PDB file of N, CA and C in Angstrom:
ATOM      1  N   MET A   1     -11.880 103.235 183.181  1.00  0.00           N
ATOM      2  CA  MET A   1     -10.389 103.330 183.509  1.00  0.00           C
ATOM      3  C   MET A   1      -9.656 102.037 184.088  1.00  0.00           C
ATOM      4  N   THR A   2      -8.598 101.604 183.027  1.00  0.00           N
ATOM      5  CA  THR A   2      -7.907 100.350 183.639  1.00  0.00           C
ATOM      6  C   THR A   2      -6.895 100.340 184.495  1.00  0.00           C
ATOM      7  N   TYR A   3      -6.428  99.495 185.140  1.00  0.00           N
ATOM      8  CA  TYR A   3      -5.949  99.752 186.315  1.00  0.00           C
ATOM      9  C   TYR A   3      -4.213 100.198 186.018  1.00  0.00           C
ATOM     10  N   GLN A   4      -3.697  99.896 184.909  1.00  0.00           N
ATOM     11  CA  GLN A   4      -2.635 100.569 184.557  1.00  0.00           C
ATOM     12  C   GLN A   4      -2.657 102.060 184.370  1.00  0.00           C
ATOM     13  N   ARG A   5      -3.615 102.400 183.665  1.00  0.00           N
ATOM     14  CA  ARG A   5      -4.065 103.940 183.504  1.00  0.00           C
ATOM     15  C   ARG A   5      -4.229 104.500 185.126  1.00  0.00           C
ATOM     16  N   ARG A   6      -5.259 103.995 185.850  1.00  0.00           N
ATOM     17  CA  ARG A   6      -5.044 104.547 187.301  1.00  0.00           C
ATOM     18  C   ARG A   6      -3.726 104.407 188.274  1.00  0.00           C
ATOM     19  N   LEU A   7      -2.882 103.429 187.998  1.00  0.00           N
ATOM     20  CA  LEU A   7      -1.916 103.434 188.470  1.00  0.00           C
ATOM     21  C   LEU A   7      -0.674 104.603 188.023  1.00  0.00           C
ATOM     22  N   SER A   8      -0.863 104.654 187.000  1.00  0.00           N
ATOM     23  CA  SER A   8       0.075 105.708 186.200  1.00  0.00           C
ATOM     24  C   SER A   8      -0.150 107.076 186.338  1.00  0.00           C
ATOM     25  N   LEU A   9      -1.730 107.377 186.350  1.00  0.00           N
ATOM     26  CA  LEU A   9      -2.188 108.779 187.208  1.00  0.00           C
ATOM     27  C   LEU A   9      -1.905 109.015 188.625  1.00  0.00           C
ATOM     28  N   LEU A  10      -2.017 107.698 189.510  1.00  0.00           N
ATOM     29  CA  LEU A  10      -1.511 107.826 190.774  1.00  0.00           C
ATOM     30  C   LEU A  10      -0.154 108.106 190.962  1.00  0.00           C
ATOM     31  N   LEU A  11       0.611 107.390 190.234  1.00  0.00           N
ATOM     32  CA  LEU A  11       2.434 107.943 190.146  1.00  0.00           C
ATOM     33  C   LEU A  11       2.390 109.457 190.046  1.00  0.00           C
ATOM     34  N   LEU A  12       1.696 109.679 188.824  1.00  0.00           N
ATOM     35  CA  LEU A  12       1.727 111.094 188.489  1.00  0.00           C
ATOM     36  C   LEU A  12       1.685 112.074 189.715  1.00  0.00           C
ATOM     37  N   LEU A  13       0.318 111.629 190.182  1.00  0.00           N
ATOM     38  CA  LEU A  13      -0.090 112.354 191.235  1.00  0.00           C
ATOM     39  C   LEU A  13       0.828 112.711 192.543  1.00  0.00           C
ATOM     40  N   ASP A  14       1.346 111.494 192.623  1.00  0.00           N
ATOM     41  CA  ASP A  14       2.071 111.187 193.755  1.00  0.00           C
ATOM     42  C   ASP A  14       3.754 111.900 193.527  1.00  0.00           C
ATOM     43  N   SER A  15       3.851 111.983 192.220  1.00  0.00           N
ATOM     44  CA  SER A  15       5.173 112.740 192.222  1.00  0.00           C
ATOM     45  C   SER A  15       5.207 114.361 192.202  1.00  0.00           C
ATOM     46  N   ALA A  16       3.900 114.698 192.079  1.00  0.00           N
ATOM     47  CA  ALA A  16       3.738 116.136 191.962  1.00  0.00           C
ATOM     48  C   ALA A  16       3.839 116.559 193.399  1.00  0.00           C
ATOM     49  N   ILE A  17       3.052 115.488 194.122  1.00  0.00           N
ATOM     50  CA  ILE A  17       2.927 115.815 195.409  1.00  0.00           C
ATOM     51  C   ILE A  17       4.292 116.177 196.407  1.00  0.00           C
ATOM     52  N   VAL A  18       5.223 115.077 195.942  1.00  0.00           N
ATOM     53  CA  VAL A  18       6.775 115.015 196.690  1.00  0.00           C
ATOM     54  C   VAL A  18       7.441 116.124 195.884  1.00  0.00           C
ATOM     55  N   LEU A  19       7.241 116.403 194.895  1.00  0.00           N
ATOM     56  CA  LEU A  19       7.877 117.587 194.236  1.00  0.00           C
ATOM     57  C   LEU A  19       7.571 119.143 194.889  1.00  0.00           C
ATOM     58  N   PHE A  20       6.212 118.950 194.862  1.00  0.00           N
ATOM     59  CA  PHE A  20       5.817 120.364 195.480  1.00  0.00           C
ATOM     60  C   PHE A  20       6.137 120.848 197.149  1.00  0.00           C
ATOM     61  N   ALA A  21       6.220 119.431 197.964  1.00  0.00           N
ATOM     62  CA  ALA A  21       6.720 119.451 199.169  1.00  0.00           C
ATOM     63  C   ALA A  21       8.165 119.887 199.177  1.00  0.00           C
ATOM     64  N   ILE A  22       8.875 119.481 198.206  1.00  0.00           N
ATOM     65  CA  ILE A  22      10.433 119.975 198.232  1.00  0.00           C
ATOM     66  C   ILE A  22      10.565 121.315 197.874  1.00  0.00           C
ATOM     67  N   TYR A  23       9.920 121.365 197.053  1.00  0.00           N
ATOM     68  CA  TYR A  23      10.230 123.186 196.609  1.00  0.00           C
ATOM     69  C   TYR A  23       9.501 123.942 197.570  1.00  0.00           C
ATOM     70  N   VAL A  24       8.525 123.874 197.935  1.00  0.00           N
ATOM     71  CA  VAL A  24       7.867 124.726 199.136  1.00  0.00           C
ATOM     72  C   VAL A  24       8.601 124.946 200.249  1.00  0.00           C
ATOM     73  N   SER A  25       8.918 123.512 200.775  1.00  0.00           N
ATOM     74  CA  SER A  25      10.089 123.649 201.909  1.00  0.00           C
ATOM     75  C   SER A  25      11.446 124.518 201.367  1.00  0.00           C
ATOM     76  N   PHE A  26      11.887 124.244 200.242  1.00  0.00           N
ATOM     77  CA  PHE A  26      13.190 125.134 199.857  1.00  0.00           C
ATOM     78  C   PHE A  26      12.515 126.342 199.947  1.00  0.00           C
ATOM     79  N   PHE A  27      11.862 126.895 199.590  1.00  0.00           N
ATOM     80  CA  PHE A  27      11.440 128.656 199.613  1.00  0.00           C
ATOM     81  C   PHE A  27      11.101 129.167 200.900  1.00  0.00           C
ATOM     82  N   MET A  28      10.627 128.050 201.957  1.00  0.00           N
ATOM     83  CA  MET A  28      10.806 128.414 203.130  1.00  0.00           C
ATOM     84  C   MET A  28      11.811 128.532 204.164  1.00  0.00           C
ATOM     85  N   LEU A  29      12.489 127.772 203.463  1.00  0.00           N
ATOM     86  CA  LEU A  29      14.034 127.977 204.244  1.00  0.00           C
ATOM     87  C   LEU A  29      14.840 128.796 203.840  1.00  0.00           C
ATOM     88  N   ASN A  30      14.810 129.071 202.676  1.00  0.00           N
ATOM     89  CA  ASN A  30      15.542 130.242 201.813  1.00  0.00           C
ATOM     90  C   ASN A  30      16.003 131.316 202.527  1.00  0.00           C
ATOM     91  N   PRO A  31      14.878 132.183 203.005  1.00  0.00           N
ATOM     92  CA  PRO A  31      15.348 133.589 203.388  1.00  0.00           C
ATOM     93  C   PRO A  31      16.399 132.985 204.737  1.00  0.00           C
ATOM     94  N   TYR A  32      16.107 131.833 205.551  1.00  0.00           N
ATOM     95  CA  TYR A  32      17.023 131.673 206.901  1.00  0.00           C
ATOM     96  C   TYR A  32      18.355 130.845 206.497  1.00  0.00           C
ATOM     97  N   VAL A  33      18.316 130.292 205.548  1.00  0.00           N
ATOM     98  CA  VAL A  33      19.363 129.226 205.656  1.00  0.00           C
ATOM     99  C   VAL A  33      19.981 129.531 203.946  1.00  0.00           C
ATOM    100  N   VAL A  34      20.575 130.527 203.374  1.00  0.00           N
ATOM    101  CA  VAL A  34      21.137 130.735 202.512  1.00  0.00           C
ATOM    102  C   VAL A  34      22.023 129.808 201.623  1.00  0.00           C
ATOM    103  N   GLN A  35      22.500 128.549 202.334  1.00  0.00           N
ATOM    104  CA  GLN A  35      23.565 127.945 201.429  1.00  0.00           C
ATOM    105  C   GLN A  35      23.151 127.077 200.772  1.00  0.00           C
ATOM    106  N   TYR A  36      21.829 126.780 200.507  1.00  0.00           N
ATOM    107  CA  TYR A  36      21.200 125.840 199.500  1.00  0.00           C
ATOM    108  C   TYR A  36      21.257 126.687 198.081  1.00  0.00           C
ATOM    109  N   ASP A  37      21.482 126.050 197.148  1.00  0.00           N
ATOM    110  CA  ASP A  37      21.724 126.620 195.806  1.00  0.00           C
ATOM    111  C   ASP A  37      20.328 125.741 194.921  1.00  0.00           C
ATOM    112  N   TRP A  38      20.452 126.290 193.634  1.00  0.00           N
ATOM    113  CA  TRP A  38      19.409 125.596 192.760  1.00  0.00           C
ATOM    114  C   TRP A  38      19.852 124.075 192.229  1.00  0.00           C
ATOM    115  N   LYS A  39      21.237 124.068 192.213  1.00  0.00           N
ATOM    116  CA  LYS A  39      21.672 122.596 191.766  1.00  0.00           C
ATOM    117  C   LYS A  39      21.509 121.592 192.555  1.00  0.00           C
ATOM    118  N   LEU A  40      21.743 122.029 193.960  1.00  0.00           N
ATOM    119  CA  LEU A  40      21.715 121.280 195.201  1.00  0.00           C
ATOM    120  C   LEU A  40      20.151 120.747 195.472  1.00  0.00           C
ATOM    121  N   LEU A  41      19.321 122.076 195.115  1.00  0.00           N
ATOM    122  CA  LEU A  41      17.758 121.612 194.990  1.00  0.00           C
ATOM    123  C   LEU A  41      17.669 120.531 194.103  1.00  0.00           C
ATOM    124  N   LEU A  42      17.904 120.619 192.743  1.00  0.00           N
ATOM    125  CA  LEU A  42      17.572 119.844 191.864  1.00  0.00           C
ATOM    126  C   LEU A  42      17.978 118.297 192.102  1.00  0.00           C
ATOM    127  N   ILE A  43      19.632 118.429 192.479  1.00  0.00           N
ATOM    128  CA  ILE A  43      19.611 116.770 192.524  1.00  0.00           C
ATOM    129  C   ILE A  43      19.101 116.420 194.162  1.00  0.00           C
ATOM    130  N   SER A  44      18.911 117.254 195.030  1.00  0.00           N
ATOM    131  CA  SER A  44      18.394 116.355 196.121  1.00  0.00           C
ATOM    132  C   SER A  44      16.727 115.953 195.529  1.00  0.00           C
ATOM    133  N   SER A  45      16.108 117.006 195.181  1.00  0.00           N
ATOM    134  CA  SER A  45      14.596 116.551 194.387  1.00  0.00           C
ATOM    135  C   SER A  45      14.687 115.272 193.650  1.00  0.00           C
ATOM    136  N   LEU A  46      15.377 115.074 192.593  1.00  0.00           N
ATOM    137  CA  LEU A  46      15.697 113.966 191.967  1.00  0.00           C
ATOM    138  C   LEU A  46      15.682 113.232 192.601  1.00  0.00           C
ATOM    139  N   SER A  47      16.901 112.782 193.442  1.00  0.00           N
ATOM    140  CA  SER A  47      16.979 111.650 194.275  1.00  0.00           C
ATOM    141  C   SER A  47      15.964 111.414 195.121  1.00  0.00           C
ATOM    142  N   LEU A  48      15.495 112.349 195.859  1.00  0.00           N
ATOM    143  CA  LEU A  48      14.398 111.657 196.637  1.00  0.00           C
ATOM    144  C   LEU A  48      13.049 111.176 195.990  1.00  0.00           C
ATOM    145  N   LEU A  49      12.743 111.981 194.856  1.00  0.00           N
ATOM    146  CA  LEU A  49      11.437 111.614 193.814  1.00  0.00           C
ATOM    147  C   LEU A  49      11.966 109.972 193.519  1.00  0.00           C
ATOM    148  N   LEU A  50      13.251 109.860 193.327  1.00  0.00           N
ATOM    149  CA  LEU A  50      13.606 108.422 192.266  1.00  0.00           C
ATOM    150  C   LEU A  50      13.493 107.407 193.839  1.00  0.00           C
ATOM    151  N   SER A  51      13.835 107.590 194.701  1.00  0.00           N
ATOM    152  CA  SER A  51      14.042 106.711 195.878  1.00  0.00           C
ATOM    153  C   SER A  51      12.641 106.824 196.366  1.00  0.00           C
ATOM    154  N   HIS A  52      11.518 107.286 196.463  1.00  0.00           N
ATOM    155  CA  HIS A  52      10.350 107.461 196.997  1.00  0.00           C
ATOM    156  C   HIS A  52       9.551 106.695 196.096  1.00  0.00           C
ATOM    157  N   HIS A  53       9.844 106.640 194.587  1.00  0.00           N
ATOM    158  CA  HIS A  53       9.287 105.859 193.753  1.00  0.00           C
ATOM    159  C   HIS A  53       9.848 104.645 193.724  1.00  0.00           C
ATOM    160  N   VAL A  54      10.889 104.109 193.993  1.00  0.00           N
ATOM    161  CA  VAL A  54      11.688 102.709 194.036  1.00  0.00           C
ATOM    162  C   VAL A  54      10.936 102.029 195.266  1.00  0.00           C
ATOM    163  N   PHE A  55      10.764 102.813 196.523  1.00  0.00           N
ATOM    164  CA  PHE A  55      10.022 102.200 197.681  1.00  0.00           C
ATOM    165  C   PHE A  55       8.479 101.706 197.413  1.00  0.00           C
ATOM    166  N   TRP A  56       8.179 102.933 196.505  1.00  0.00           N
ATOM    167  CA  TRP A  56       6.614 103.024 196.436  1.00  0.00           C
ATOM    168  C   TRP A  56       6.017 101.549 195.312  1.00  0.00           C
ATOM    169  N   LEU A  57       7.012 101.574 194.486  1.00  0.00           N
ATOM    170  CA  LEU A  57       6.519 100.267 193.615  1.00  0.00           C
ATOM    171  C   LEU A  57       7.073  99.044 194.427  1.00  0.00           C
ATOM    172  N   ASP A  58       7.851  98.830 195.285  1.00  0.00           N
ATOM    173  CA  ASP A  58       8.421  97.982 195.863  1.00  0.00           C
ATOM    174  C   ASP A  58       9.573  97.401 194.987  1.00  0.00           C
ATOM    175  N   LEU A  59      10.357  98.033 194.368  1.00  0.00           N
ATOM    176  CA  LEU A  59      11.220  97.663 193.334  1.00  0.00           C
ATOM    177  C   LEU A  59      12.660  97.370 193.950  1.00  0.00           C
ATOM    178  N   SER A  60      12.987  97.603 195.135  1.00  0.00           N
ATOM    179  CA  SER A  60      14.094  97.572 195.841  1.00  0.00           C
ATOM    180  C   SER A  60      14.613  95.883 196.045  1.00  0.00           C
ATOM    181  N   PRO A  61      15.822  95.911 195.953  1.00  0.00           N
ATOM    182  CA  PRO A  61      16.065  94.310 196.479  1.00  0.00           C
ATOM    183  C   PRO A  61      15.966  93.950 197.710  1.00  0.00           C
ATOM    184  N   VAL A  62      15.717  92.744 198.067  1.00  0.00           N
ATOM    185  CA  VAL A  62      15.393  92.412 199.271  1.00  0.00           C
ATOM    186  C   VAL A  62      16.560  91.362 200.302  1.00  0.00           C
TER     187      VAL A  62
END
């Protein structure tokens, strides 16, 4: 397996872990805090995922 393929699989696995953590925490808090909706969940999960990978790949400006 090449380095590029391993890095792509690692990035995919990392994305799945981040999204899983966001959605599990949403469903754990949803019965107690009902002010969250699906639109807010989608926006926050995408922004967290993108920012997570920007820092993970070290693409942020210094």
